[in-house]
Amino acid sequence: MRRGRRVGRLVFAARVLAWLPLGLALVIVASRERPDDPFALEPPGPWMVRIPLAEQDETALGLTQSGNQPATVRVEFFSPAGQPPPRGWPLALILPGGGWSSGDPLRFRAAVNPLRARELAVGLVALTPGRIDRPAWPRRLAEGRAVLRWVRERSVRVEVGAGDSADLPLFDPARVAVLGFGTGGHLAVFLGAEAGRLEPDTRPNAVVAFAPPVDLTPQAIGPTGPPLEPLLGRHASLEARMDASPLGRLNAESAPLLLIHGGEDRHVPPDQTARLEARARELGVRVERIVIPRGRHGLGVVWGTDDFSGRIRDFLELNAAYH
């Protein structure tokens, strides 16, 4: 019996040793950065900064700080290769989706390299996750304003770490776009819609929104739309829903809009962006809308259908004079 066990152990060890080289080879291959891997981020970048919320935004929006530390929002910046142009890199600030319950931009890194290939600097904004007991609105609006203000004020040099400094890509203050995916698009459109009512340093020059929910009333959002509890809390009133709907905030001075939506999106009905486009045209706001046939909801489906980085760059350049 003992001899049989010993033989069995030897056979098992021999099998492990036989498979070990193959396992090591697979680990080595998996650890290499493949050029077609959208998550394989090449240098330069990222630089992570924490941007404090402005006191005037917290006061105006009725927000309160937790503890003695000022509230901050985290942003990772990535620049194209080479030296920035004289005016600085145009900048695309990505606002993540996630049903308002997530503020982690990690899933949206797939958009970074295609945008950098078009000579756009990219900022991945980490928004405050929303919960039923701590809704994300209107704090997310304050975070968006803070990032735009910071970019315009610190377009040349920022502090990186304690006592260290680095020349980040020069951000051209006349070419700053906000990109939002899903519920991140809700904030992007809201920032652009409010542009005519905001101070110049918190106005985006252009808004690019992928499948944004823009009308949060029960009839418009529908039963399959993103749940509103993380954004507005439980039992949000109709007044609160309307107040947080960017469709009703659009005005003649709103920022230009590039809207991209899947024609078969069951999560955010395409009618949301169709109505936003119609309202923008009625007000004289520059707007473009792209409908992806058979497109559904989600970054992978939308971004994988076409490379929209060129369209985004062209749209931003076209509207660089907006202020």
C-alpha atoms as a PDB file:
ATOM      1  CA  MET A   1       0.000   0.000   0.000  1.00  0.00           C
ATOM      2  CA  ARG A   2       2.761   2.414   0.951  1.00  0.00           C
ATOM      3  CA  ARG A   3       4.685   1.538  -2.187  1.00  0.00           C
ATOM      4  CA  GLY A   4       1.610   2.249  -4.286  1.00  0.00           C
ATOM      5  CA  ARG A   5       1.186   5.670  -2.671  1.00  0.00           C
ATOM      6  CA  ARG A   6       4.868   6.448  -3.265  1.00  0.00           C
ATOM      7  CA  VAL A   7       4.562   5.519  -6.926  1.00  0.00           C
ATOM      8  CA  GLY A   8       1.445   7.659  -7.239  1.00  0.00           C
ATOM      9  CA  ARG A   9       3.220  10.659  -5.789  1.00  0.00           C
ATOM     10  CA  LEU A  10       6.147  10.188  -8.156  1.00  0.00           C
ATOM     11  CA  VAL A  11       3.806  10.003 -11.137  1.00  0.00           C
ATOM     12  CA  PHE A  12       2.018  13.182  -9.980  1.00  0.00           C
ATOM     13  CA  ALA A  13       5.329  15.022  -9.524  1.00  0.00           C
ATOM     14  CA  ALA A  14       6.471  13.919 -12.963  1.00  0.00           C
ATOM     15  CA  ARG A  15       3.294  15.283 -14.537  1.00  0.00           C
ATOM     16  CA  VAL A  16       3.726  18.616 -12.752  1.00  0.00           C
ATOM     17  CA  LEU A  17       7.325  18.902 -13.947  1.00  0.00           C
ATOM     18  CA  ALA A  18       6.266  18.016 -17.486  1.00  0.00           C
ATOM     19  CA  TRP A  19       3.676  20.812 -17.577  1.00  0.00           C
ATOM     20  CA  LEU A  20       5.839  23.393 -15.778  1.00  0.00           C
ATOM     21  CA  PRO A  21       7.727  24.699 -18.871  1.00  0.00           C
ATOM     22  CA  LEU A  22       4.461  25.196 -20.743  1.00  0.00           C
ATOM     23  CA  GLY A  23       2.971  27.061 -17.779  1.00  0.00           C
ATOM     24  CA  LEU A  24       5.988  29.347 -17.534  1.00  0.00           C
ATOM     25  CA  ALA A  25       5.830  30.038 -21.257  1.00  0.00           C
ATOM     26  CA  LEU A  26       2.157  31.004 -20.991  1.00  0.00           C
ATOM     27  CA  VAL A  27       2.887  33.364 -18.091  1.00  0.00           C
ATOM     28  CA  ILE A  28       5.670  35.056 -20.063  1.00  0.00           C
ATOM     29  CA  VAL A  29       3.467  35.475 -23.132  1.00  0.00           C
ATOM     30  CA  ALA A  30       0.561  36.805 -21.075  1.00  0.00           C
ATOM     31  CA  SER A  31       2.799  39.332 -19.313  1.00  0.00           C
ATOM     32  CA  ARG A  32       3.971  40.909 -22.544  1.00  0.00           C
ATOM     33  CA  GLU A  33       2.146  43.959 -23.838  1.00  0.00           C
ATOM     34  CA  ARG A  34       0.472  43.135 -27.100  1.00  0.00           C
ATOM     35  CA  PRO A  35       0.109  46.063 -29.521  1.00  0.00           C
ATOM     36  CA  ASP A  36      -3.558  45.235 -30.111  1.00  0.00           C
ATOM     37  CA  ASP A  37      -4.390  45.178 -26.402  1.00  0.00           C
ATOM     38  CA  PRO A  38      -6.393  48.347 -25.632  1.00  0.00           C
ATOM     39  CA  PHE A  39      -5.455  48.096 -21.956  1.00  0.00           C
ATOM     40  CA  ALA A  40      -1.702  48.006 -22.647  1.00  0.00           C
ATOM     41  CA  LEU A  41      -0.964  51.665 -21.930  1.00  0.00           C
ATOM     42  CA  GLU A  42       2.279  52.897 -23.408  1.00  0.00           C
ATOM     43  CA  PRO A  43       4.207  55.779 -21.844  1.00  0.00           C
ATOM     44  CA  PRO A  44       4.001  58.710 -21.367  1.00  0.00           C
ATOM     45  CA  GLY A  45       1.496  58.490 -18.558  1.00  0.00           C
ATOM     46  CA  PRO A  46      -0.364  58.139 -16.457  1.00  0.00           C
ATOM     47  CA  TRP A  47      -0.011  60.987 -14.017  1.00  0.00           C
ATOM     48  CA  MET A  48      -2.528  60.838 -11.216  1.00  0.00           C
ATOM     49  CA  VAL A  49      -3.680  63.999  -9.486  1.00  0.00           C
ATOM     50  CA  ARG A  50      -6.300  64.724  -6.849  1.00  0.00           C
ATOM     51  CA  ILE A  51      -8.312  67.827  -7.570  1.00  0.00           C
ATOM     52  CA  PRO A  52     -10.126  69.580  -4.684  1.00  0.00           C
ATOM     53  CA  LEU A  53     -13.742  70.558  -5.095  1.00  0.00           C
ATOM     54  CA  ALA A  54     -14.199  74.306  -5.179  1.00  0.00           C
ATOM     55  CA  GLU A  55     -15.761  75.836  -2.087  1.00  0.00           C
ATOM     56  CA  GLN A  56     -18.178  77.876  -4.173  1.00  0.00           C
ATOM     57  CA  ASP A  57     -19.484  74.713  -5.857  1.00  0.00           C
ATOM     58  CA  GLU A  58     -20.027  72.950  -2.555  1.00  0.00           C
ATOM     59  CA  THR A  59     -21.813  75.987  -1.163  1.00  0.00           C
ATOM     60  CA  ALA A  60     -23.981  76.530  -4.235  1.00  0.00           C
ATOM     61  CA  LEU A  61     -24.956  72.871  -4.454  1.00  0.00           C
ATOM     62  CA  GLY A  62     -25.572  72.491  -0.723  1.00  0.00           C
ATOM     63  CA  LEU A  63     -22.824  69.918  -0.219  1.00  0.00           C
ATOM     64  CA  THR A  64     -21.040  69.256   3.047  1.00  0.00           C
ATOM     65  CA  GLN A  65     -17.525  67.952   3.539  1.00  0.00           C
ATOM     66  CA  SER A  66     -16.959  64.760   5.491  1.00  0.00           C
ATOM     67  CA  GLY A  67     -14.342  65.223   8.220  1.00  0.00           C
ATOM     68  CA  ASN A  68     -11.617  67.843   8.083  1.00  0.00           C
ATOM     69  CA  GLN A  69     -10.226  66.858   4.685  1.00  0.00           C
ATOM     70  CA  PRO A  70     -11.478  68.682   1.582  1.00  0.00           C
ATOM     71  CA  ALA A  71     -13.321  66.539  -0.925  1.00  0.00           C
ATOM     72  CA  THR A  72     -11.261  65.629  -3.984  1.00  0.00           C
ATOM     73  CA  VAL A  73     -11.725  63.898  -7.318  1.00  0.00           C
ATOM     74  CA  ARG A  74      -8.989  61.686  -8.808  1.00  0.00           C
ATOM     75  CA  VAL A  75      -7.890  62.032 -12.438  1.00  0.00           C
ATOM     76  CA  GLU A  76      -5.320  60.041 -14.427  1.00  0.00           C
ATOM     77  CA  PHE A  77      -3.804  61.938 -17.345  1.00  0.00           C
ATOM     78  CA  PHE A  78      -2.237  60.365 -20.437  1.00  0.00           C
ATOM     79  CA  SER A  79      -0.498  62.283 -23.206  1.00  0.00           C
ATOM     80  CA  PRO A  80       0.320  61.462 -26.819  1.00  0.00           C
ATOM     81  CA  ALA A  81       3.911  60.625 -27.684  1.00  0.00           C
ATOM     82  CA  GLY A  82       6.271  63.454 -28.598  1.00  0.00           C
ATOM     83  CA  GLN A  83       6.357  67.118 -27.786  1.00  0.00           C
ATOM     84  CA  PRO A  84       3.066  68.984 -27.377  1.00  0.00           C
ATOM     85  CA  PRO A  85       2.109  71.554 -30.012  1.00  0.00           C
ATOM     86  CA  PRO A  86       2.616  75.252 -29.215  1.00  0.00           C
ATOM     87  CA  ARG A  87      -0.973  75.691 -28.017  1.00  0.00           C
ATOM     88  CA  GLY A  88      -0.901  72.450 -26.068  1.00  0.00           C
ATOM     89  CA  TRP A  89      -2.674  69.162 -26.540  1.00  0.00           C
ATOM     90  CA  PRO A  90      -6.425  69.122 -26.990  1.00  0.00           C
ATOM     91  CA  LEU A  91      -7.850  67.234 -24.028  1.00  0.00           C
ATOM     92  CA  ALA A  92     -10.611  64.638 -23.733  1.00  0.00           C
ATOM     93  CA  LEU A  93     -11.900  64.129 -20.191  1.00  0.00           C
ATOM     94  CA  ILE A  94     -13.580  60.714 -19.876  1.00  0.00           C
ATOM     95  CA  LEU A  95     -16.447  60.463 -17.389  1.00  0.00           C
ATOM     96  CA  PRO A  96     -17.193  56.789 -16.637  1.00  0.00           C
ATOM     97  CA  GLY A  97     -20.610  55.199 -16.586  1.00  0.00           C
ATOM     98  CA  GLY A  98     -21.695  52.332 -14.395  1.00  0.00           C
ATOM     99  CA  GLY A  99     -25.279  53.139 -13.511  1.00  0.00           C
ATOM    100  CA  TRP A 100     -24.219  56.006 -11.197  1.00  0.00           C
ATOM    101  CA  SER A 101     -23.173  53.374  -8.641  1.00  0.00           C
ATOM    102  CA  SER A 102     -19.577  53.203  -9.893  1.00  0.00           C
ATOM    103  CA  GLY A 103     -17.034  55.932 -10.410  1.00  0.00           C
ATOM    104  CA  ASP A 104     -14.130  53.686 -11.431  1.00  0.00           C
ATOM    105  CA  PRO A 105     -12.799  54.593 -14.892  1.00  0.00           C
ATOM    106  CA  LEU A 106     -10.716  51.395 -15.261  1.00  0.00           C
ATOM    107  CA  ARG A 107     -13.199  49.816 -17.691  1.00  0.00           C
ATOM    108  CA  PHE A 108     -12.884  52.817 -19.978  1.00  0.00           C
ATOM    109  CA  ARG A 109      -9.147  52.594 -20.572  1.00  0.00           C
ATOM    110  CA  ALA A 110      -9.938  50.921 -23.879  1.00  0.00           C
ATOM    111  CA  ALA A 111     -10.607  54.401 -25.267  1.00  0.00           C
ATOM    112  CA  VAL A 112      -7.274  55.880 -24.162  1.00  0.00           C
ATOM    113  CA  ASN A 113      -4.870  54.628 -26.830  1.00  0.00           C
ATOM    114  CA  PRO A 114      -7.157  55.292 -29.831  1.00  0.00           C
ATOM    115  CA  LEU A 115      -7.641  58.875 -28.637  1.00  0.00           C
ATOM    116  CA  ARG A 116      -3.921  59.388 -28.013  1.00  0.00           C
ATOM    117  CA  ALA A 117      -3.217  58.085 -31.503  1.00  0.00           C
ATOM    118  CA  ARG A 118      -5.240  61.080 -32.732  1.00  0.00           C
ATOM    119  CA  GLU A 119      -2.983  63.395 -30.695  1.00  0.00           C
ATOM    120  CA  LEU A 120      -5.492  63.930 -27.942  1.00  0.00           C
ATOM    121  CA  ALA A 121      -4.453  64.012 -24.305  1.00  0.00           C
ATOM    122  CA  VAL A 122      -6.829  61.967 -22.149  1.00  0.00           C
ATOM    123  CA  GLY A 123      -7.997  62.380 -18.573  1.00  0.00           C
ATOM    124  CA  LEU A 124      -9.746  59.474 -16.840  1.00  0.00           C
ATOM    125  CA  VAL A 125     -11.951  60.970 -14.138  1.00  0.00           C
ATOM    126  CA  ALA A 126     -12.856  58.836 -11.101  1.00  0.00           C
ATOM    127  CA  LEU A 127     -16.269  60.014  -9.927  1.00  0.00           C
ATOM    128  CA  THR A 128     -17.817  59.464  -6.518  1.00  0.00           C
ATOM    129  CA  PRO A 129     -19.864  56.240  -6.527  1.00  0.00           C
ATOM    130  CA  GLY A 130     -23.497  56.720  -5.620  1.00  0.00           C
ATOM    131  CA  ARG A 131     -25.459  54.762  -3.027  1.00  0.00           C
ATOM    132  CA  ILE A 132     -29.025  54.861  -1.815  1.00  0.00           C
ATOM    133  CA  ASP A 133     -27.898  56.352   1.482  1.00  0.00           C
ATOM    134  CA  ARG A 134     -25.438  58.745  -0.184  1.00  0.00           C
ATOM    135  CA  PRO A 135     -26.685  59.778  -3.633  1.00  0.00           C
ATOM    136  CA  ALA A 136     -24.157  60.939  -6.207  1.00  0.00           C
ATOM    137  CA  TRP A 137     -26.103  64.040  -7.231  1.00  0.00           C
ATOM    138  CA  PRO A 138     -25.276  66.900  -7.122  1.00  0.00           C
ATOM    139  CA  ARG A 139     -21.745  65.982  -5.977  1.00  0.00           C
ATOM    140  CA  ARG A 140     -20.911  64.623  -9.422  1.00  0.00           C
ATOM    141  CA  LEU A 141     -21.758  67.993 -10.914  1.00  0.00           C
ATOM    142  CA  ALA A 142     -19.339  69.663  -8.479  1.00  0.00           C
ATOM    143  CA  GLU A 143     -16.655  67.116  -9.408  1.00  0.00           C
ATOM    144  CA  GLY A 144     -17.069  67.805 -13.114  1.00  0.00           C
ATOM    145  CA  ARG A 145     -16.844  71.550 -12.585  1.00  0.00           C
ATOM    146  CA  ALA A 146     -13.758  71.147 -10.389  1.00  0.00           C
ATOM    147  CA  VAL A 147     -11.890  69.121 -13.010  1.00  0.00           C
ATOM    148  CA  LEU A 148     -12.646  71.582 -15.802  1.00  0.00           C
ATOM    149  CA  ARG A 149     -11.605  74.515 -13.634  1.00  0.00           C
ATOM    150  CA  TRP A 150      -8.382  72.782 -12.586  1.00  0.00           C
ATOM    151  CA  VAL A 151      -7.439  71.928 -16.182  1.00  0.00           C
ATOM    152  CA  ARG A 152      -7.840  75.525 -17.272  1.00  0.00           C
ATOM    153  CA  GLU A 153      -5.848  76.870 -14.320  1.00  0.00           C
ATOM    154  CA  ARG A 154      -3.062  74.248 -14.421  1.00  0.00           C
ATOM    155  CA  SER A 155      -2.604  73.737 -18.137  1.00  0.00           C
ATOM    156  CA  VAL A 156       1.210  73.885 -18.036  1.00  0.00           C
ATOM    157  CA  ARG A 157       2.624  72.350 -14.849  1.00  0.00           C
ATOM    158  CA  VAL A 158       1.169  70.409 -11.963  1.00  0.00           C
ATOM    159  CA  GLU A 159       2.618  68.981  -8.801  1.00  0.00           C
ATOM    160  CA  VAL A 160       3.088  65.226  -8.891  1.00  0.00           C
ATOM    161  CA  GLY A 161       3.681  63.668  -5.496  1.00  0.00           C
ATOM    162  CA  ALA A 162       5.268  65.356  -2.512  1.00  0.00           C
ATOM    163  CA  GLY A 163       7.972  67.784  -3.562  1.00  0.00           C
ATOM    164  CA  ASP A 164       8.189  66.491  -7.133  1.00  0.00           C
ATOM    165  CA  SER A 165       6.993  68.235 -10.242  1.00  0.00           C
ATOM    166  CA  ALA A 166       6.643  67.179 -13.830  1.00  0.00           C
ATOM    167  CA  ASP A 167       5.766  68.889 -17.057  1.00  0.00           C
ATOM    168  CA  LEU A 168       2.483  67.316 -18.000  1.00  0.00           C
ATOM    169  CA  PRO A 169       1.200  67.678 -21.532  1.00  0.00           C
ATOM    170  CA  LEU A 170       0.126  71.239 -22.156  1.00  0.00           C
ATOM    171  CA  PHE A 171      -3.654  71.291 -22.244  1.00  0.00           C
ATOM    172  CA  ASP A 172      -5.075  73.778 -24.701  1.00  0.00           C
ATOM    173  CA  PRO A 173      -7.802  75.601 -22.716  1.00  0.00           C
ATOM    174  CA  ALA A 174      -9.681  76.271 -25.960  1.00  0.00           C
ATOM    175  CA  ARG A 175      -9.922  72.565 -26.829  1.00  0.00           C
ATOM    176  CA  VAL A 176     -11.295  70.681 -23.834  1.00  0.00           C
ATOM    177  CA  ALA A 177     -13.999  68.088 -24.434  1.00  0.00           C
ATOM    178  CA  VAL A 178     -15.907  65.971 -21.937  1.00  0.00           C
ATOM    179  CA  LEU A 179     -16.671  62.401 -23.003  1.00  0.00           C
ATOM    180  CA  GLY A 180     -19.306  60.408 -21.180  1.00  0.00           C
ATOM    181  CA  PHE A 181     -20.370  56.792 -21.541  1.00  0.00           C
ATOM    182  CA  GLY A 182     -23.872  55.851 -20.385  1.00  0.00           C
ATOM    183  CA  THR A 183     -24.531  57.535 -17.064  1.00  0.00           C
ATOM    184  CA  GLY A 184     -21.199  59.328 -17.451  1.00  0.00           C
ATOM    185  CA  GLY A 185     -22.767  60.846 -20.565  1.00  0.00           C
ATOM    186  CA  HIS A 186     -25.513  62.220 -18.347  1.00  0.00           C
ATOM    187  CA  LEU A 187     -22.940  64.339 -16.513  1.00  0.00           C
ATOM    188  CA  ALA A 188     -21.131  65.270 -19.739  1.00  0.00           C
ATOM    189  CA  VAL A 189     -24.341  66.562 -21.315  1.00  0.00           C
ATOM    190  CA  PHE A 190     -25.309  68.359 -18.102  1.00  0.00           C
ATOM    191  CA  LEU A 191     -21.947  70.166 -17.981  1.00  0.00           C
ATOM    192  CA  GLY A 192     -22.349  71.195 -21.608  1.00  0.00           C
ATOM    193  CA  ALA A 193     -25.981  72.179 -21.206  1.00  0.00           C
ATOM    194  CA  GLU A 194     -25.162  74.388 -18.222  1.00  0.00           C
ATOM    195  CA  ALA A 195     -22.234  76.013 -20.041  1.00  0.00           C
ATOM    196  CA  GLY A 196     -24.118  79.216 -20.769  1.00  0.00           C
ATOM    197  CA  ARG A 197     -24.850  79.653 -17.058  1.00  0.00           C
ATOM    198  CA  LEU A 198     -21.371  78.787 -15.761  1.00  0.00           C
ATOM    199  CA  GLU A 199     -18.160  80.760 -15.436  1.00  0.00           C
ATOM    200  CA  PRO A 200     -15.894  80.363 -18.509  1.00  0.00           C
ATOM    201  CA  ASP A 201     -13.335  78.118 -16.822  1.00  0.00           C
ATOM    202  CA  THR A 202     -15.926  75.395 -16.153  1.00  0.00           C
ATOM    203  CA  ARG A 203     -17.383  75.306 -19.668  1.00  0.00           C
ATOM    204  CA  PRO A 204     -16.394  72.413 -21.933  1.00  0.00           C
ATOM    205  CA  ASN A 205     -15.668  73.351 -25.530  1.00  0.00           C
ATOM    206  CA  ALA A 206     -17.486  70.253 -26.760  1.00  0.00           C
ATOM    207  CA  VAL A 207     -19.472  67.325 -25.392  1.00  0.00           C
ATOM    208  CA  VAL A 208     -19.299  63.754 -26.692  1.00  0.00           C
ATOM    209  CA  ALA A 209     -21.884  61.454 -25.135  1.00  0.00           C
ATOM    210  CA  PHE A 210     -22.373  57.744 -25.772  1.00  0.00           C
ATOM    211  CA  ALA A 211     -25.956  56.660 -24.981  1.00  0.00           C
ATOM    212  CA  PRO A 212     -26.600  59.253 -22.258  1.00  0.00           C
ATOM    213  CA  PRO A 213     -29.840  59.274 -20.242  1.00  0.00           C
ATOM    214  CA  VAL A 214     -30.950  62.906 -20.504  1.00  0.00           C
ATOM    215  CA  ASP A 215     -34.572  62.781 -19.328  1.00  0.00           C
ATOM    216  CA  LEU A 216     -34.941  61.068 -15.951  1.00  0.00           C
ATOM    217  CA  THR A 217     -38.707  61.323 -15.617  1.00  0.00           C
ATOM    218  CA  PRO A 218     -40.454  57.937 -15.175  1.00  0.00           C
ATOM    219  CA  GLN A 219     -42.127  57.960 -18.594  1.00  0.00           C
ATOM    220  CA  ALA A 220     -38.858  58.733 -20.411  1.00  0.00           C
ATOM    221  CA  ILE A 221     -36.355  56.553 -18.535  1.00  0.00           C
ATOM    222  CA  GLY A 222     -38.628  53.509 -18.680  1.00  0.00           C
ATOM    223  CA  PRO A 223     -38.532  50.322 -16.596  1.00  0.00           C
ATOM    224  CA  THR A 224     -35.309  49.046 -18.200  1.00  0.00           C
ATOM    225  CA  GLY A 225     -33.344  52.272 -17.739  1.00  0.00           C
ATOM    226  CA  PRO A 226     -30.565  52.712 -15.184  1.00  0.00           C
ATOM    227  CA  PRO A 227     -31.859  52.736 -11.593  1.00  0.00           C
ATOM    228  CA  LEU A 228     -31.923  56.238 -10.144  1.00  0.00           C
ATOM    229  CA  GLU A 229     -31.346  55.328  -6.480  1.00  0.00           C
ATOM    230  CA  PRO A 230     -27.521  55.733  -6.658  1.00  0.00           C
ATOM    231  CA  LEU A 231     -27.975  59.150  -8.280  1.00  0.00           C
ATOM    232  CA  LEU A 232     -30.920  60.658  -6.406  1.00  0.00           C
ATOM    233  CA  GLY A 233     -31.617  58.316  -3.515  1.00  0.00           C
ATOM    234  CA  ARG A 234     -34.730  56.305  -2.787  1.00  0.00           C
ATOM    235  CA  HIS A 235     -38.132  57.760  -3.722  1.00  0.00           C
ATOM    236  CA  ALA A 236     -36.795  60.678  -5.771  1.00  0.00           C
ATOM    237  CA  SER A 237     -39.511  63.218  -6.469  1.00  0.00           C
ATOM    238  CA  LEU A 238     -40.533  64.240  -9.956  1.00  0.00           C
ATOM    239  CA  GLU A 239     -39.060  67.687  -9.253  1.00  0.00           C
ATOM    240  CA  ALA A 240     -35.690  66.136  -8.342  1.00  0.00           C
ATOM    241  CA  ARG A 241     -35.740  63.973 -11.480  1.00  0.00           C
ATOM    242  CA  MET A 242     -36.456  66.990 -13.680  1.00  0.00           C
ATOM    243  CA  ASP A 243     -33.817  69.096 -11.928  1.00  0.00           C
ATOM    244  CA  ALA A 244     -31.177  66.429 -12.676  1.00  0.00           C
ATOM    245  CA  SER A 245     -32.264  65.982 -16.313  1.00  0.00           C
ATOM    246  CA  PRO A 246     -29.895  67.744 -18.737  1.00  0.00           C
ATOM    247  CA  LEU A 247     -32.567  67.856 -21.446  1.00  0.00           C
ATOM    248  CA  GLY A 248     -34.374  70.579 -19.533  1.00  0.00           C
ATOM    249  CA  ARG A 249     -31.139  72.509 -18.958  1.00  0.00           C
ATOM    250  CA  LEU A 250     -30.258  72.935 -22.618  1.00  0.00           C
ATOM    251  CA  ASN A 251     -30.192  76.575 -23.761  1.00  0.00           C
ATOM    252  CA  ALA A 252     -28.970  78.590 -26.722  1.00  0.00           C
ATOM    253  CA  GLU A 253     -25.488  78.965 -25.204  1.00  0.00           C
ATOM    254  CA  SER A 254     -24.974  75.266 -24.458  1.00  0.00           C
ATOM    255  CA  ALA A 255     -21.830  73.541 -25.713  1.00  0.00           C
ATOM    256  CA  PRO A 256     -21.856  71.671 -29.050  1.00  0.00           C
ATOM    257  CA  LEU A 257     -22.968  68.052 -28.810  1.00  0.00           C
ATOM    258  CA  LEU A 258     -21.769  64.881 -30.518  1.00  0.00           C
ATOM    259  CA  LEU A 259     -24.207  62.087 -29.646  1.00  0.00           C
ATOM    260  CA  ILE A 260     -23.531  58.392 -30.344  1.00  0.00           C
ATOM    261  CA  HIS A 261     -26.176  55.763 -29.636  1.00  0.00           C
ATOM    262  CA  GLY A 262     -26.882  52.128 -30.463  1.00  0.00           C
ATOM    263  CA  GLY A 263     -30.057  51.619 -32.419  1.00  0.00           C
ATOM    264  CA  GLU A 264     -30.984  48.563 -30.307  1.00  0.00           C
ATOM    265  CA  ASP A 265     -30.002  49.958 -26.911  1.00  0.00           C
ATOM    266  CA  ARG A 266     -32.458  48.452 -24.406  1.00  0.00           C
ATOM    267  CA  HIS A 267     -30.856  50.104 -21.373  1.00  0.00           C
ATOM    268  CA  VAL A 268     -31.029  53.750 -22.462  1.00  0.00           C
ATOM    269  CA  PRO A 269     -33.650  54.150 -25.218  1.00  0.00           C
ATOM    270  CA  PRO A 270     -32.305  55.819 -28.407  1.00  0.00           C
ATOM    271  CA  ASP A 271     -35.260  58.197 -28.114  1.00  0.00           C
ATOM    272  CA  GLN A 272     -33.310  59.945 -25.341  1.00  0.00           C
ATOM    273  CA  THR A 273     -30.643  61.273 -27.724  1.00  0.00           C
ATOM    274  CA  ALA A 274     -33.187  61.782 -30.523  1.00  0.00           C
ATOM    275  CA  ARG A 275     -35.122  64.190 -28.318  1.00  0.00           C
ATOM    276  CA  LEU A 276     -31.913  65.885 -27.194  1.00  0.00           C
ATOM    277  CA  GLU A 277     -30.873  66.380 -30.822  1.00  0.00           C
ATOM    278  CA  ALA A 278     -34.263  67.857 -31.694  1.00  0.00           C
ATOM    279  CA  ARG A 279     -34.155  70.247 -28.754  1.00  0.00           C
ATOM    280  CA  ALA A 280     -30.593  71.330 -29.600  1.00  0.00           C
ATOM    281  CA  ARG A 281     -31.552  72.102 -33.193  1.00  0.00           C
ATOM    282  CA  GLU A 282     -34.575  74.045 -31.981  1.00  0.00           C
ATOM    283  CA  LEU A 283     -32.303  76.207 -29.810  1.00  0.00           C
ATOM    284  CA  GLY A 284     -29.590  76.601 -32.456  1.00  0.00           C
ATOM    285  CA  VAL A 285     -27.021  74.493 -30.590  1.00  0.00           C
ATOM    286  CA  ARG A 286     -24.588  72.682 -32.875  1.00  0.00           C
ATOM    287  CA  VAL A 287     -25.314  68.969 -32.693  1.00  0.00           C
ATOM    288  CA  GLU A 288     -24.415  65.746 -34.505  1.00  0.00           C
ATOM    289  CA  ARG A 289     -26.019  62.382 -33.814  1.00  0.00           C
ATOM    290  CA  ILE A 290     -24.698  58.999 -34.919  1.00  0.00           C
ATOM    291  CA  VAL A 291     -26.912  55.924 -34.620  1.00  0.00           C
ATOM    292  CA  ILE A 292     -25.141  52.565 -34.770  1.00  0.00           C
ATOM    293  CA  PRO A 293     -27.379  49.993 -36.489  1.00  0.00           C
ATOM    294  CA  ARG A 294     -27.948  46.977 -34.231  1.00  0.00           C
ATOM    295  CA  GLY A 295     -25.776  48.627 -31.610  1.00  0.00           C
ATOM    296  CA  ARG A 296     -26.575  47.868 -27.988  1.00  0.00           C
ATOM    297  CA  HIS A 297     -25.469  49.411 -24.711  1.00  0.00           C
ATOM    298  CA  GLY A 298     -21.892  49.267 -23.470  1.00  0.00           C
ATOM    299  CA  LEU A 299     -18.461  50.627 -24.298  1.00  0.00           C
ATOM    300  CA  GLY A 300     -17.211  47.407 -25.899  1.00  0.00           C
ATOM    301  CA  VAL A 301     -20.147  47.173 -28.285  1.00  0.00           C
ATOM    302  CA  VAL A 302     -20.128  50.841 -29.248  1.00  0.00           C
ATOM    303  CA  TRP A 303     -16.390  51.454 -29.437  1.00  0.00           C
ATOM    304  CA  GLY A 304     -15.770  48.128 -31.169  1.00  0.00           C
ATOM    305  CA  THR A 305     -18.188  49.027 -33.952  1.00  0.00           C
ATOM    306  CA  ASP A 306     -16.088  51.910 -35.218  1.00  0.00           C
ATOM    307  CA  ASP A 307     -13.088  53.989 -34.229  1.00  0.00           C
ATOM    308  CA  PHE A 308     -14.752  57.174 -33.092  1.00  0.00           C
ATOM    309  CA  SER A 309     -11.513  58.822 -32.000  1.00  0.00           C
ATOM    310  CA  GLY A 310     -11.126  60.567 -35.361  1.00  0.00           C
ATOM    311  CA  ARG A 311     -14.698  61.873 -35.259  1.00  0.00           C
ATOM    312  CA  ILE A 312     -14.144  63.105 -31.721  1.00  0.00           C
ATOM    313  CA  ARG A 313     -10.934  64.926 -32.671  1.00  0.00           C
ATOM    314  CA  ASP A 314     -12.575  66.528 -35.720  1.00  0.00           C
ATOM    315  CA  PHE A 315     -15.599  67.596 -33.677  1.00  0.00           C
ATOM    316  CA  LEU A 316     -13.410  69.165 -31.012  1.00  0.00           C
ATOM    317  CA  GLU A 317     -11.328  71.038 -33.584  1.00  0.00           C
ATOM    318  CA  LEU A 318     -14.472  72.267 -35.319  1.00  0.00           C
ATOM    319  CA  ASN A 319     -15.792  73.711 -32.076  1.00  0.00           C
ATOM    320  CA  ALA A 320     -12.551  74.992 -30.586  1.00  0.00           C
ATOM    321  CA  ALA A 321     -13.785  78.555 -30.939  1.00  0.00           C
ATOM    322  CA  TYR A 322     -16.741  77.880 -28.649  1.00  0.00           C
ATOM    323  CA  HIS A 323     -16.382  79.546 -25.246  1.00  0.00           C
END
